[in-house]
PDB file of N, CA and C in Angstrom:
ATOM      1  N   UNK A   1       1.908 -35.758 -42.112  1.00  0.00           N
ATOM      2  CA  UNK A   1       1.178 -34.887 -41.227  1.00  0.00           C
ATOM      3  C   UNK A   1       1.774 -33.473 -41.306  1.00  0.00           C
ATOM      4  N   UNK A   2       2.233 -32.892 -40.178  1.00  0.00           N
ATOM      5  CA  UNK A   2       2.760 -31.543 -40.172  1.00  0.00           C
ATOM      6  C   UNK A   2       4.279 -31.531 -40.279  1.00  0.00           C
ATOM      7  N   UNK A   3       4.826 -30.435 -40.781  1.00  0.00           N
ATOM      8  CA  UNK A   3       6.257 -30.171 -40.769  1.00  0.00           C
ATOM      9  C   UNK A   3       6.477 -29.205 -39.615  1.00  0.00           C
ATOM     10  N   UNK A   4       7.052 -29.693 -38.523  1.00  0.00           N
ATOM     11  CA  UNK A   4       7.199 -28.908 -37.304  1.00  0.00           C
ATOM     12  C   UNK A   4       8.435 -28.025 -37.366  1.00  0.00           C
ATOM     13  N   UNK A   5       8.242 -26.724 -37.069  1.00  0.00           N
ATOM     14  CA  UNK A   5       9.335 -25.763 -36.966  1.00  0.00           C
ATOM     15  C   UNK A   5       9.265 -25.194 -35.559  1.00  0.00           C
ATOM     16  N   UNK A   6      10.370 -25.274 -34.805  1.00  0.00           N
ATOM     17  CA  UNK A   6      10.336 -24.781 -33.432  1.00  0.00           C
ATOM     18  C   UNK A   6      11.040 -23.432 -33.255  1.00  0.00           C
ATOM     19  N   UNK A   7      11.609 -22.889 -34.318  1.00  0.00           N
ATOM     20  CA  UNK A   7      12.277 -21.588 -34.281  1.00  0.00           C
ATOM     21  C   UNK A   7      11.400 -20.573 -35.006  1.00  0.00           C
ATOM     22  N   UNK A   8      10.924 -19.566 -34.265  1.00  0.00           N
ATOM     23  CA  UNK A   8       9.994 -18.604 -34.855  1.00  0.00           C
ATOM     24  C   UNK A   8      10.615 -17.859 -36.035  1.00  0.00           C
ATOM     25  N   UNK A   9      11.870 -17.482 -35.905  1.00  0.00           N
ATOM     26  CA  UNK A   9      12.516 -16.756 -37.011  1.00  0.00           C
ATOM     27  C   UNK A   9      12.523 -17.609 -38.278  1.00  0.00           C
ATOM     28  N   UNK A  10      12.833 -18.884 -38.142  1.00  0.00           N
ATOM     29  CA  UNK A  10      12.846 -19.785 -39.307  1.00  0.00           C
ATOM     30  C   UNK A  10      11.446 -19.917 -39.898  1.00  0.00           C
ATOM     31  N   UNK A  11      10.436 -20.054 -39.035  1.00  0.00           N
ATOM     32  CA  UNK A  11       9.055 -20.144 -39.508  1.00  0.00           C
ATOM     33  C   UNK A  11       8.664 -18.860 -40.239  1.00  0.00           C
ATOM     34  N   UNK A  12       8.932 -17.719 -39.598  1.00  0.00           N
ATOM     35  CA  UNK A  12       8.571 -16.416 -40.168  1.00  0.00           C
ATOM     36  C   UNK A  12       9.223 -16.202 -41.523  1.00  0.00           C
ATOM     37  N   UNK A  13      10.502 -16.550 -41.631  1.00  0.00           N
ATOM     38  CA  UNK A  13      11.210 -16.357 -42.896  1.00  0.00           C
ATOM     39  C   UNK A  13      10.730 -17.330 -43.968  1.00  0.00           C
ATOM     40  N   UNK A  14      10.417 -18.541 -43.569  1.00  0.00           N
ATOM     41  CA  UNK A  14       9.980 -19.549 -44.548  1.00  0.00           C
ATOM     42  C   UNK A  14       8.635 -19.177 -45.169  1.00  0.00           C
ATOM     43  N   UNK A  15       7.695 -18.744 -44.345  1.00  0.00           N
ATOM     44  CA  UNK A  15       6.369 -18.399 -44.873  1.00  0.00           C
ATOM     45  C   UNK A  15       6.270 -16.913 -45.205  1.00  0.00           C
ATOM     46  N   UNK A  16       7.264 -16.157 -44.800  1.00  0.00           N
ATOM     47  CA  UNK A  16       7.381 -14.708 -44.998  1.00  0.00           C
ATOM     48  C   UNK A  16       6.160 -13.945 -44.480  1.00  0.00           C
ATOM     49  N   UNK A  17       6.039 -13.960 -43.154  1.00  0.00           N
ATOM     50  CA  UNK A  17       4.965 -13.214 -42.489  1.00  0.00           C
ATOM     51  C   UNK A  17       5.194 -11.729 -42.684  1.00  0.00           C
ATOM     52  N   UNK A  18       4.113 -11.024 -42.986  1.00  0.00           N
ATOM     53  CA  UNK A  18       4.175  -9.575 -43.170  1.00  0.00           C
ATOM     54  C   UNK A  18       3.663  -8.878 -41.912  1.00  0.00           C
ATOM     55  N   UNK A  19       4.467  -7.986 -41.377  1.00  0.00           N
ATOM     56  CA  UNK A  19       4.058  -7.192 -40.229  1.00  0.00           C
ATOM     57  C   UNK A  19       3.431  -5.894 -40.725  1.00  0.00           C
ATOM     58  N   UNK A  20       2.853  -5.135 -39.823  1.00  0.00           N
ATOM     59  CA  UNK A  20       2.177  -3.885 -40.199  1.00  0.00           C
ATOM     60  C   UNK A  20       3.079  -2.979 -41.027  1.00  0.00           C
ATOM     61  N   UNK A  21       4.328  -2.831 -40.615  1.00  0.00           N
ATOM     62  CA  UNK A  21       5.252  -1.962 -41.344  1.00  0.00           C
ATOM     63  C   UNK A  21       5.468  -2.464 -42.773  1.00  0.00           C
ATOM     64  N   UNK A  22       5.545  -3.783 -42.954  1.00  0.00           N
ATOM     65  CA  UNK A  22       5.697  -4.352 -44.298  1.00  0.00           C
ATOM     66  C   UNK A  22       4.465  -4.057 -45.153  1.00  0.00           C
ATOM     67  N   UNK A  23       3.303  -4.251 -44.559  1.00  0.00           N
ATOM     68  CA  UNK A  23       2.046  -4.029 -45.269  1.00  0.00           C
ATOM     69  C   UNK A  23       1.932  -2.566 -45.691  1.00  0.00           C
ATOM     70  N   UNK A  24       2.311  -1.669 -44.777  1.00  0.00           N
ATOM     71  CA  UNK A  24       2.259  -0.235 -45.078  1.00  0.00           C
ATOM     72  C   UNK A  24       3.264   0.131 -46.166  1.00  0.00           C
ATOM     73  N   UNK A  25       4.491  -0.365 -46.059  1.00  0.00           N
ATOM     74  CA  UNK A  25       5.526  -0.063 -47.057  1.00  0.00           C
ATOM     75  C   UNK A  25       5.154  -0.588 -48.438  1.00  0.00           C
ATOM     76  N   UNK A  26       4.423  -1.707 -48.475  1.00  0.00           N
ATOM     77  CA  UNK A  26       3.995  -2.274 -49.758  1.00  0.00           C
ATOM     78  C   UNK A  26       2.798  -1.533 -50.338  1.00  0.00           C
ATOM     79  N   UNK A  27       2.187  -0.650 -49.533  1.00  0.00           N
ATOM     80  CA  UNK A  27       1.041   0.114 -49.998  1.00  0.00           C
ATOM     81  C   UNK A  27      -0.206  -0.731 -50.199  1.00  0.00           C
ATOM     82  N   UNK A  28      -0.341  -1.806 -49.415  1.00  0.00           N
ATOM     83  CA  UNK A  28      -1.496  -2.678 -49.566  1.00  0.00           C
ATOM     84  C   UNK A  28      -2.754  -2.016 -49.029  1.00  0.00           C
ATOM     85  N   UNK A  29      -3.885  -2.440 -49.542  1.00  0.00           N
ATOM     86  CA  UNK A  29      -5.166  -1.824 -49.192  1.00  0.00           C
ATOM     87  C   UNK A  29      -5.816  -2.429 -47.958  1.00  0.00           C
ATOM     88  N   UNK A  30      -5.082  -3.221 -47.190  1.00  0.00           N
ATOM     89  CA  UNK A  30      -5.652  -3.841 -45.997  1.00  0.00           C
ATOM     90  C   UNK A  30      -4.868  -3.363 -44.776  1.00  0.00           C
ATOM     91  N   UNK A  31      -5.584  -3.129 -43.678  1.00  0.00           N
ATOM     92  CA  UNK A  31      -4.944  -2.642 -42.455  1.00  0.00           C
ATOM     93  C   UNK A  31      -5.163  -3.667 -41.348  1.00  0.00           C
ATOM     94  N   UNK A  32      -4.078  -4.161 -40.736  1.00  0.00           N
ATOM     95  CA  UNK A  32      -4.213  -5.127 -39.637  1.00  0.00           C
ATOM     96  C   UNK A  32      -4.905  -4.510 -38.426  1.00  0.00           C
ATOM     97  N   UNK A  33      -5.373  -5.358 -37.534  1.00  0.00           N
ATOM     98  CA  UNK A  33      -6.066  -4.903 -36.324  1.00  0.00           C
ATOM     99  C   UNK A  33      -5.108  -4.497 -35.209  1.00  0.00           C
ATOM    100  N   UNK A  34      -3.856  -4.936 -35.279  1.00  0.00           N
ATOM    101  CA  UNK A  34      -2.884  -4.599 -34.236  1.00  0.00           C
ATOM    102  C   UNK A  34      -1.641  -3.984 -34.877  1.00  0.00           C
ATOM    103  N   UNK A  35      -0.876  -3.240 -34.099  1.00  0.00           N
ATOM    104  CA  UNK A  35       0.355  -2.631 -34.636  1.00  0.00           C
ATOM    105  C   UNK A  35       1.380  -3.645 -35.141  1.00  0.00           C
ATOM    106  N   UNK A  36       1.331  -4.873 -34.642  1.00  0.00           N
ATOM    107  CA  UNK A  36       2.284  -5.888 -35.099  1.00  0.00           C
ATOM    108  C   UNK A  36       1.879  -6.546 -36.416  1.00  0.00           C
ATOM    109  N   UNK A  37       0.615  -6.422 -36.790  1.00  0.00           N
ATOM    110  CA  UNK A  37       0.169  -7.007 -38.047  1.00  0.00           C
ATOM    111  C   UNK A  37      -0.815  -8.145 -37.900  1.00  0.00           C
ATOM    112  N   UNK A  38      -1.312  -8.361 -36.689  1.00  0.00           N
ATOM    113  CA  UNK A  38      -2.290  -9.425 -36.475  1.00  0.00           C
ATOM    114  C   UNK A  38      -3.687  -8.973 -36.888  1.00  0.00           C
ATOM    115  N   UNK A  39      -4.453  -9.934 -37.394  1.00  0.00           N
ATOM    116  CA  UNK A  39      -5.864  -9.731 -37.704  1.00  0.00           C
ATOM    117  C   UNK A  39      -6.660 -10.564 -36.712  1.00  0.00           C
ATOM    118  N   UNK A  40      -7.660  -9.966 -36.095  1.00  0.00           N
ATOM    119  CA  UNK A  40      -8.479 -10.671 -35.119  1.00  0.00           C
ATOM    120  C   UNK A  40      -9.458 -11.594 -35.830  1.00  0.00           C
ATOM    121  N   UNK A  41     -10.032 -12.508 -35.068  1.00  0.00           N
ATOM    122  CA  UNK A  41     -10.943 -13.517 -35.616  1.00  0.00           C
ATOM    123  C   UNK A  41     -12.066 -12.884 -36.460  1.00  0.00           C
ATOM    124  N   UNK A  42     -12.613 -11.772 -35.974  1.00  0.00           N
ATOM    125  CA  UNK A  42     -13.722 -11.149 -36.705  1.00  0.00           C
ATOM    126  C   UNK A  42     -13.277 -10.496 -38.021  1.00  0.00           C
ATOM    127  N   UNK A  43     -11.981 -10.369 -38.231  1.00  0.00           N
ATOM    128  CA  UNK A  43     -11.467  -9.801 -39.485  1.00  0.00           C
ATOM    129  C   UNK A  43     -11.162 -10.864 -40.536  1.00  0.00           C
ATOM    130  N   UNK A  44     -11.384 -12.129 -40.210  1.00  0.00           N
ATOM    131  CA  UNK A  44     -11.069 -13.190 -41.156  1.00  0.00           C
ATOM    132  C   UNK A  44     -11.794 -13.039 -42.496  1.00  0.00           C
ATOM    133  N   UNK A  45     -13.085 -12.675 -42.531  1.00  0.00           N
ATOM    134  CA  UNK A  45     -13.719 -12.497 -43.849  1.00  0.00           C
ATOM    135  C   UNK A  45     -13.027 -11.410 -44.688  1.00  0.00           C
ATOM    136  N   UNK A  46     -12.629 -10.322 -44.052  1.00  0.00           N
ATOM    137  CA  UNK A  46     -11.940  -9.223 -44.750  1.00  0.00           C
ATOM    138  C   UNK A  46     -10.570  -9.693 -45.256  1.00  0.00           C
ATOM    139  N   UNK A  47      -9.864 -10.443 -44.438  1.00  0.00           N
ATOM    140  CA  UNK A  47      -8.551 -10.960 -44.818  1.00  0.00           C
ATOM    141  C   UNK A  47      -8.691 -11.999 -45.940  1.00  0.00           C
ATOM    142  N   UNK A  48      -9.694 -12.834 -45.848  1.00  0.00           N
ATOM    143  CA  UNK A  48      -9.950 -13.837 -46.893  1.00  0.00           C
ATOM    144  C   UNK A  48     -10.261 -13.154 -48.223  1.00  0.00           C
ATOM    145  N   UNK A  49     -11.112 -12.129 -48.189  1.00  0.00           N
ATOM    146  CA  UNK A  49     -11.423 -11.380 -49.409  1.00  0.00           C
ATOM    147  C   UNK A  49     -10.172 -10.762 -50.023  1.00  0.00           C
ATOM    148  N   UNK A  50      -9.311 -10.212 -49.153  1.00  0.00           N
ATOM    149  CA  UNK A  50      -8.073  -9.609 -49.642  1.00  0.00           C
ATOM    150  C   UNK A  50      -7.215 -10.664 -50.350  1.00  0.00           C
ATOM    151  N   UNK A  51      -7.056 -11.823 -49.739  1.00  0.00           N
ATOM    152  CA  UNK A  51      -6.240 -12.877 -50.339  1.00  0.00           C
ATOM    153  C   UNK A  51      -6.863 -13.416 -51.625  1.00  0.00           C
ATOM    154  N   UNK A  52      -8.168 -13.404 -51.698  1.00  0.00           N
ATOM    155  CA  UNK A  52      -8.861 -13.844 -52.915  1.00  0.00           C
ATOM    156  C   UNK A  52      -8.522 -12.914 -54.080  1.00  0.00           C
ATOM    157  N   UNK A  53      -8.488 -11.603 -53.814  1.00  0.00           N
ATOM    158  CA  UNK A  53      -8.212 -10.634 -54.874  1.00  0.00           C
ATOM    159  C   UNK A  53      -6.717 -10.383 -55.069  1.00  0.00           C
ATOM    160  N   UNK A  54      -5.894 -10.865 -54.159  1.00  0.00           N
ATOM    161  CA  UNK A  54      -4.434 -10.724 -54.249  1.00  0.00           C
ATOM    162  C   UNK A  54      -3.819 -12.116 -54.004  1.00  0.00           C
ATOM    163  N   UNK A  55      -3.859 -12.991 -55.013  1.00  0.00           N
ATOM    164  CA  UNK A  55      -3.481 -14.394 -54.814  1.00  0.00           C
ATOM    165  C   UNK A  55      -2.014 -14.637 -54.468  1.00  0.00           C
ATOM    166  N   UNK A  56      -1.187 -13.623 -54.501  1.00  0.00           N
ATOM    167  CA  UNK A  56       0.208 -13.809 -54.087  1.00  0.00           C
ATOM    168  C   UNK A  56       0.346 -13.857 -52.567  1.00  0.00           C
ATOM    169  N   UNK A  57      -0.746 -13.587 -51.849  1.00  0.00           N
ATOM    170  CA  UNK A  57      -0.747 -13.602 -50.389  1.00  0.00           C
ATOM    171  C   UNK A  57      -1.553 -14.785 -49.860  1.00  0.00           C
ATOM    172  N   UNK A  58      -1.245 -15.197 -48.636  1.00  0.00           N
ATOM    173  CA  UNK A  58      -2.013 -16.252 -47.982  1.00  0.00           C
ATOM    174  C   UNK A  58      -2.094 -15.965 -46.485  1.00  0.00           C
ATOM    175  N   UNK A  59      -2.862 -16.767 -45.781  1.00  0.00           N
ATOM    176  CA  UNK A  59      -3.156 -16.554 -44.366  1.00  0.00           C
ATOM    177  C   UNK A  59      -2.392 -17.556 -43.500  1.00  0.00           C
ATOM    178  N   UNK A  60      -1.838 -17.046 -42.399  1.00  0.00           N
ATOM    179  CA  UNK A  60      -1.219 -17.870 -41.364  1.00  0.00           C
ATOM    180  C   UNK A  60      -2.123 -17.769 -40.136  1.00  0.00           C
ATOM    181  N   UNK A  61      -2.476 -18.889 -39.523  1.00  0.00           N
ATOM    182  CA  UNK A  61      -3.406 -18.919 -38.389  1.00  0.00           C
ATOM    183  C   UNK A  61      -2.671 -19.222 -37.089  1.00  0.00           C
ATOM    184  N   UNK A  62      -2.980 -18.456 -36.044  1.00  0.00           N
ATOM    185  CA  UNK A  62      -2.445 -18.710 -34.699  1.00  0.00           C
ATOM    186  C   UNK A  62      -3.531 -19.371 -33.880  1.00  0.00           C
ATOM    187  N   UNK A  63      -3.171 -20.461 -33.244  1.00  0.00           N
ATOM    188  CA  UNK A  63      -4.120 -21.258 -32.475  1.00  0.00           C
ATOM    189  C   UNK A  63      -3.432 -21.621 -31.163  1.00  0.00           C
ATOM    190  N   UNK A  64      -3.699 -20.865 -30.099  1.00  0.00           N
ATOM    191  CA  UNK A  64      -2.977 -21.081 -28.846  1.00  0.00           C
ATOM    192  C   UNK A  64      -1.530 -20.691 -29.034  1.00  0.00           C
ATOM    193  N   UNK A  65      -0.609 -21.573 -28.685  1.00  0.00           N
ATOM    194  CA  UNK A  65       0.822 -21.310 -28.860  1.00  0.00           C
ATOM    195  C   UNK A  65       1.350 -21.833 -30.187  1.00  0.00           C
ATOM    196  N   UNK A  66       0.477 -22.315 -31.035  1.00  0.00           N
ATOM    197  CA  UNK A  66       0.876 -22.902 -32.305  1.00  0.00           C
ATOM    198  C   UNK A  66       0.422 -22.018 -33.462  1.00  0.00           C
ATOM    199  N   UNK A  67       1.146 -22.109 -34.562  1.00  0.00           N
ATOM    200  CA  UNK A  67       0.741 -21.411 -35.777  1.00  0.00           C
ATOM    201  C   UNK A  67       0.799 -22.395 -36.932  1.00  0.00           C
ATOM    202  N   UNK A  68      -0.155 -22.277 -37.827  1.00  0.00           N
ATOM    203  CA  UNK A  68      -0.171 -23.140 -39.008  1.00  0.00           C
ATOM    204  C   UNK A  68      -0.229 -22.255 -40.242  1.00  0.00           C
ATOM    205  N   UNK A  69       0.480 -22.654 -41.264  1.00  0.00           N
ATOM    206  CA  UNK A  69       0.621 -21.877 -42.480  1.00  0.00           C
ATOM    207  C   UNK A  69      -0.583 -22.083 -43.406  1.00  0.00           C
ATOM    208  N   UNK A  70      -1.758 -21.826 -42.880  1.00  0.00           N
ATOM    209  CA  UNK A  70      -2.999 -21.985 -43.641  1.00  0.00           C
ATOM    210  C   UNK A  70      -4.119 -21.249 -42.921  1.00  0.00           C
ATOM    211  N   UNK A  71      -5.213 -21.099 -43.593  1.00  0.00           N
ATOM    212  CA  UNK A  71      -6.409 -20.501 -43.006  1.00  0.00           C
ATOM    213  C   UNK A  71      -7.164 -21.587 -42.251  1.00  0.00           C
ATOM    214  N   UNK A  72      -7.169 -21.473 -40.915  1.00  0.00           N
ATOM    215  CA  UNK A  72      -7.860 -22.441 -40.073  1.00  0.00           C
ATOM    216  C   UNK A  72      -8.966 -21.698 -39.332  1.00  0.00           C
ATOM    217  N   UNK A  73     -10.201 -22.038 -39.624  1.00  0.00           N
ATOM    218  CA  UNK A  73     -11.341 -21.378 -38.987  1.00  0.00           C
ATOM    219  C   UNK A  73     -11.298 -21.581 -37.478  1.00  0.00           C
ATOM    220  N   UNK A  74     -11.680 -20.546 -36.729  1.00  0.00           N
ATOM    221  CA  UNK A  74     -11.729 -20.644 -35.276  1.00  0.00           C
ATOM    222  C   UNK A  74     -10.413 -20.369 -34.582  1.00  0.00           C
ATOM    223  N   UNK A  75      -9.375 -19.997 -35.327  1.00  0.00           N
ATOM    224  CA  UNK A  75      -8.097 -19.659 -34.697  1.00  0.00           C
ATOM    225  C   UNK A  75      -8.234 -18.335 -33.957  1.00  0.00           C
ATOM    226  N   UNK A  76      -7.283 -18.072 -33.071  1.00  0.00           N
ATOM    227  CA  UNK A  76      -7.323 -16.845 -32.255  1.00  0.00           C
ATOM    228  C   UNK A  76      -7.053 -15.605 -33.097  1.00  0.00           C
ATOM    229  N   UNK A  77      -5.970 -15.637 -33.870  1.00  0.00           N
ATOM    230  CA  UNK A  77      -5.592 -14.506 -34.715  1.00  0.00           C
ATOM    231  C   UNK A  77      -4.999 -15.029 -36.013  1.00  0.00           C
ATOM    232  N   UNK A  78      -4.806 -14.101 -36.943  1.00  0.00           N
ATOM    233  CA  UNK A  78      -4.309 -14.443 -38.270  1.00  0.00           C
ATOM    234  C   UNK A  78      -3.260 -13.422 -38.700  1.00  0.00           C
ATOM    235  N   UNK A  79      -2.383 -13.845 -39.586  1.00  0.00           N
ATOM    236  CA  UNK A  79      -1.376 -12.972 -40.176  1.00  0.00           C
ATOM    237  C   UNK A  79      -1.402 -13.135 -41.689  1.00  0.00           C
ATOM    238  N   UNK A  80      -0.905 -12.132 -42.370  1.00  0.00           N
ATOM    239  CA  UNK A  80      -0.780 -12.163 -43.819  1.00  0.00           C
ATOM    240  C   UNK A  80       0.645 -12.584 -44.163  1.00  0.00           C
ATOM    241  N   UNK A  81       0.809 -13.415 -45.180  1.00  0.00           N
ATOM    242  CA  UNK A  81       2.135 -13.875 -45.591  1.00  0.00           C
ATOM    243  C   UNK A  81       2.206 -13.939 -47.109  1.00  0.00           C
ATOM    244  N   UNK A  82       3.451 -13.923 -47.635  1.00  0.00           N
ATOM    245  CA  UNK A  82       3.613 -14.036 -49.084  1.00  0.00           C
ATOM    246  C   UNK A  82       4.781 -14.948 -49.468  1.00  0.00           C
ATOM    247  N   UNK A  83       5.129 -15.896 -48.592  1.00  0.00           N
ATOM    248  CA  UNK A  83       6.203 -16.848 -48.883  1.00  0.00           C
ATOM    249  C   UNK A  83       5.662 -18.232 -49.172  1.00  0.00           C
ATOM    250  N   UNK A  84       6.356 -19.231 -48.659  1.00  0.00           N
ATOM    251  CA  UNK A  84       5.970 -20.627 -48.863  1.00  0.00           C
ATOM    252  C   UNK A  84       4.522 -20.859 -48.410  1.00  0.00           C
ATOM    253  N   UNK A  85       3.746 -21.517 -49.239  1.00  0.00           N
ATOM    254  CA  UNK A  85       2.325 -21.737 -48.956  1.00  0.00           C
ATOM    255  C   UNK A  85       2.012 -23.127 -48.420  1.00  0.00           C
ATOM    256  N   UNK A  86       3.002 -23.953 -48.177  1.00  0.00           N
ATOM    257  CA  UNK A  86       2.744 -25.323 -47.734  1.00  0.00           C
ATOM    258  C   UNK A  86       1.902 -25.296 -46.457  1.00  0.00           C
ATOM    259  N   UNK A  87       0.652 -25.769 -46.513  1.00  0.00           N
ATOM    260  CA  UNK A  87      -0.236 -25.669 -45.354  1.00  0.00           C
ATOM    261  C   UNK A  87       0.122 -26.622 -44.220  1.00  0.00           C
ATOM    262  N   UNK A  88       1.093 -27.476 -44.413  1.00  0.00           N
ATOM    263  CA  UNK A  88       1.476 -28.424 -43.363  1.00  0.00           C
ATOM    264  C   UNK A  88       2.622 -27.908 -42.491  1.00  0.00           C
ATOM    265  N   UNK A  89       3.147 -26.714 -42.807  1.00  0.00           N
ATOM    266  CA  UNK A  89       4.199 -26.131 -41.978  1.00  0.00           C
ATOM    267  C   UNK A  89       3.555 -25.552 -40.728  1.00  0.00           C
ATOM    268  N   UNK A  90       4.043 -25.974 -39.576  1.00  0.00           N
ATOM    269  CA  UNK A  90       3.473 -25.548 -38.304  1.00  0.00           C
ATOM    270  C   UNK A  90       4.589 -25.033 -37.398  1.00  0.00           C
ATOM    271  N   UNK A  91       4.328 -23.913 -36.734  1.00  0.00           N
ATOM    272  CA  UNK A  91       5.255 -23.387 -35.734  1.00  0.00           C
ATOM    273  C   UNK A  91       4.841 -23.954 -34.389  1.00  0.00           C
ATOM    274  N   UNK A  92       5.731 -24.730 -33.794  1.00  0.00           N
ATOM    275  CA  UNK A  92       5.440 -25.424 -32.543  1.00  0.00           C
ATOM    276  C   UNK A  92       6.665 -25.318 -31.640  1.00  0.00           C
ATOM    277  N   UNK A  93       6.788 -24.217 -30.879  1.00  0.00           N
ATOM    278  CA  UNK A  93       8.004 -23.983 -30.101  1.00  0.00           C
ATOM    279  C   UNK A  93       8.220 -24.953 -28.947  1.00  0.00           C
ATOM    280  N   UNK A  94       7.184 -25.523 -28.412  1.00  0.00           N
ATOM    281  CA  UNK A  94       7.301 -26.368 -27.222  1.00  0.00           C
ATOM    282  C   UNK A  94       7.157 -27.860 -27.513  1.00  0.00           C
ATOM    283  N   UNK A  95       7.049 -28.223 -28.758  1.00  0.00           N
ATOM    284  CA  UNK A  95       6.879 -29.639 -29.088  1.00  0.00           C
ATOM    285  C   UNK A  95       5.584 -30.202 -28.542  1.00  0.00           C
ATOM    286  N   UNK A  96       4.497 -29.479 -28.744  1.00  0.00           N
ATOM    287  CA  UNK A  96       3.205 -29.839 -28.159  1.00  0.00           C
ATOM    288  C   UNK A  96       2.429 -30.847 -28.994  1.00  0.00           C
ATOM    289  N   UNK A  97       3.109 -31.674 -29.718  1.00  0.00           N
ATOM    290  CA  UNK A  97       2.455 -32.606 -30.631  1.00  0.00           C
ATOM    291  C   UNK A  97       1.347 -33.408 -29.955  1.00  0.00           C
ATOM    292  N   UNK A  98       1.518 -33.809 -28.707  1.00  0.00           N
ATOM    293  CA  UNK A  98       0.506 -34.626 -28.027  1.00  0.00           C
ATOM    294  C   UNK A  98      -0.422 -33.797 -27.134  1.00  0.00           C
ATOM    295  N   UNK A  99      -0.270 -32.495 -27.138  1.00  0.00           N
ATOM    296  CA  UNK A  99      -1.067 -31.662 -26.237  1.00  0.00           C
ATOM    297  C   UNK A  99      -2.504 -31.500 -26.739  1.00  0.00           C
ATOM    298  N   UNK A 100      -3.433 -31.128 -25.847  1.00  0.00           N
ATOM    299  CA  UNK A 100      -4.811 -30.847 -26.270  1.00  0.00           C
ATOM    300  C   UNK A 100      -4.877 -29.707 -27.283  1.00  0.00           C
ATOM    301  N   UNK A 101      -3.966 -28.709 -27.139  1.00  0.00           N
ATOM    302  CA  UNK A 101      -3.944 -27.596 -28.101  1.00  0.00           C
ATOM    303  C   UNK A 101      -3.640 -28.116 -29.491  1.00  0.00           C
ATOM    304  N   UNK A 102      -2.656 -28.981 -29.587  1.00  0.00           N
ATOM    305  CA  UNK A 102      -2.277 -29.555 -30.875  1.00  0.00           C
ATOM    306  C   UNK A 102      -3.417 -30.390 -31.446  1.00  0.00           C
ATOM    307  N   UNK A 103      -4.018 -31.226 -30.608  1.00  0.00           N
ATOM    308  CA  UNK A 103      -5.115 -32.072 -31.073  1.00  0.00           C
ATOM    309  C   UNK A 103      -6.276 -31.219 -31.576  1.00  0.00           C
ATOM    310  N   UNK A 104      -6.533 -30.122 -30.876  1.00  0.00           N
ATOM    311  CA  UNK A 104      -7.585 -29.195 -31.287  1.00  0.00           C
ATOM    312  C   UNK A 104      -7.234 -28.557 -32.633  1.00  0.00           C
ATOM    313  N   UNK A 105      -5.967 -28.164 -32.794  1.00  0.00           N
ATOM    314  CA  UNK A 105      -5.513 -27.576 -34.049  1.00  0.00           C
ATOM    315  C   UNK A 105      -5.627 -28.590 -35.176  1.00  0.00           C
ATOM    316  N   UNK A 106      -5.204 -29.818 -34.917  1.00  0.00           N
ATOM    317  CA  UNK A 106      -5.261 -30.851 -35.948  1.00  0.00           C
ATOM    318  C   UNK A 106      -6.705 -31.080 -36.402  1.00  0.00           C
ATOM    319  N   UNK A 107      -7.633 -31.110 -35.453  1.00  0.00           N
ATOM    320  CA  UNK A 107      -9.048 -31.278 -35.801  1.00  0.00           C
ATOM    321  C   UNK A 107      -9.535 -30.090 -36.629  1.00  0.00           C
ATOM    322  N   UNK A 108      -9.148 -28.878 -36.219  1.00  0.00           N
ATOM    323  CA  UNK A 108      -9.550 -27.678 -36.960  1.00  0.00           C
ATOM    324  C   UNK A 108      -8.916 -27.670 -38.345  1.00  0.00           C
ATOM    325  N   UNK A 109      -7.662 -28.100 -38.433  1.00  0.00           N
ATOM    326  CA  UNK A 109      -6.965 -28.139 -39.716  1.00  0.00           C
ATOM    327  C   UNK A 109      -7.684 -29.063 -40.686  1.00  0.00           C
ATOM    328  N   UNK A 110      -8.122 -30.199 -40.201  1.00  0.00           N
ATOM    329  CA  UNK A 110      -8.818 -31.149 -41.065  1.00  0.00           C
ATOM    330  C   UNK A 110     -10.181 -30.641 -41.516  1.00  0.00           C
ATOM    331  N   UNK A 111     -10.739 -29.671 -40.779  1.00  0.00           N
ATOM    332  CA  UNK A 111     -12.023 -29.096 -41.162  1.00  0.00           C
ATOM    333  C   UNK A 111     -11.849 -27.746 -41.842  1.00  0.00           C
ATOM    334  N   UNK A 112     -10.607 -27.322 -42.023  1.00  0.00           N
ATOM    335  CA  UNK A 112     -10.333 -25.974 -42.508  1.00  0.00           C
ATOM    336  C   UNK A 112     -10.892 -25.746 -43.903  1.00  0.00           C
ATOM    337  N   UNK A 113     -11.079 -24.487 -44.206  1.00  0.00           N
ATOM    338  CA  UNK A 113     -11.398 -24.083 -45.563  1.00  0.00           C
ATOM    339  C   UNK A 113     -10.067 -23.741 -46.198  1.00  0.00           C
ATOM    340  N   UNK A 114      -9.667 -24.412 -47.262  1.00  0.00           N
ATOM    341  CA  UNK A 114      -8.342 -24.169 -47.837  1.00  0.00           C
ATOM    342  C   UNK A 114      -8.174 -22.712 -48.268  1.00  0.00           C
ATOM    343  N   UNK A 115      -6.914 -22.248 -48.287  1.00  0.00           N
ATOM    344  CA  UNK A 115      -6.654 -20.943 -48.849  1.00  0.00           C
ATOM    345  C   UNK A 115      -7.212 -20.951 -50.266  1.00  0.00           C
ATOM    346  N   UNK A 116      -7.937 -19.936 -50.594  1.00  0.00           N
ATOM    347  CA  UNK A 116      -8.612 -19.894 -51.875  1.00  0.00           C
ATOM    348  C   UNK A 116      -7.621 -19.635 -53.001  1.00  0.00           C
ATOM    349  N   UNK A 117      -7.806 -20.308 -54.112  1.00  0.00           N
ATOM    350  CA  UNK A 117      -6.962 -20.107 -55.280  1.00  0.00           C
ATOM    351  C   UNK A 117      -7.864 -19.744 -56.442  1.00  0.00           C
ATOM    352  N   UNK A 118      -7.413 -18.805 -57.209  1.00  0.00           N
ATOM    353  CA  UNK A 118      -8.167 -18.458 -58.413  1.00  0.00           C
ATOM    354  C   UNK A 118      -7.911 -19.491 -59.484  1.00  0.00           C
ATOM    355  N   UNK A 119      -8.934 -19.793 -60.215  1.00  0.00           N
ATOM    356  CA  UNK A 119      -8.716 -20.676 -61.365  1.00  0.00           C
ATOM    357  C   UNK A 119      -8.442 -19.792 -62.572  1.00  0.00           C
ATOM    358  N   UNK A 120      -7.546 -20.269 -63.427  1.00  0.00           N
ATOM    359  CA  UNK A 120      -7.139 -19.478 -64.583  1.00  0.00           C
ATOM    360  C   UNK A 120      -8.195 -19.458 -65.648  1.00  0.00           C
TER     361      UNK A 120
END
């Protein structure tokens, strides 16, 4: 199932979340919706297109108090990352494995559209 990480710093470093300052310093052509680097739900198509044309990046989805290292439709917000792509890594600070939020995330994860990969 999921690989649970309860320390945000460990999760962030493992998947290498990019904040606005990182994105700006890298000179990327995409601008987050918030100063911290979050993309709102309505920006998901733009973020997906960016990741399609820049396959070294992937999407991290925030769903309530949980985050999953994959593109999960219907999540609250999204982040750009360029580290570990394992889609089963989940940030779960409160151990909400049995909570309705977790169950909702698990259902969404199973219906998710995988991070797109280019074929060679």
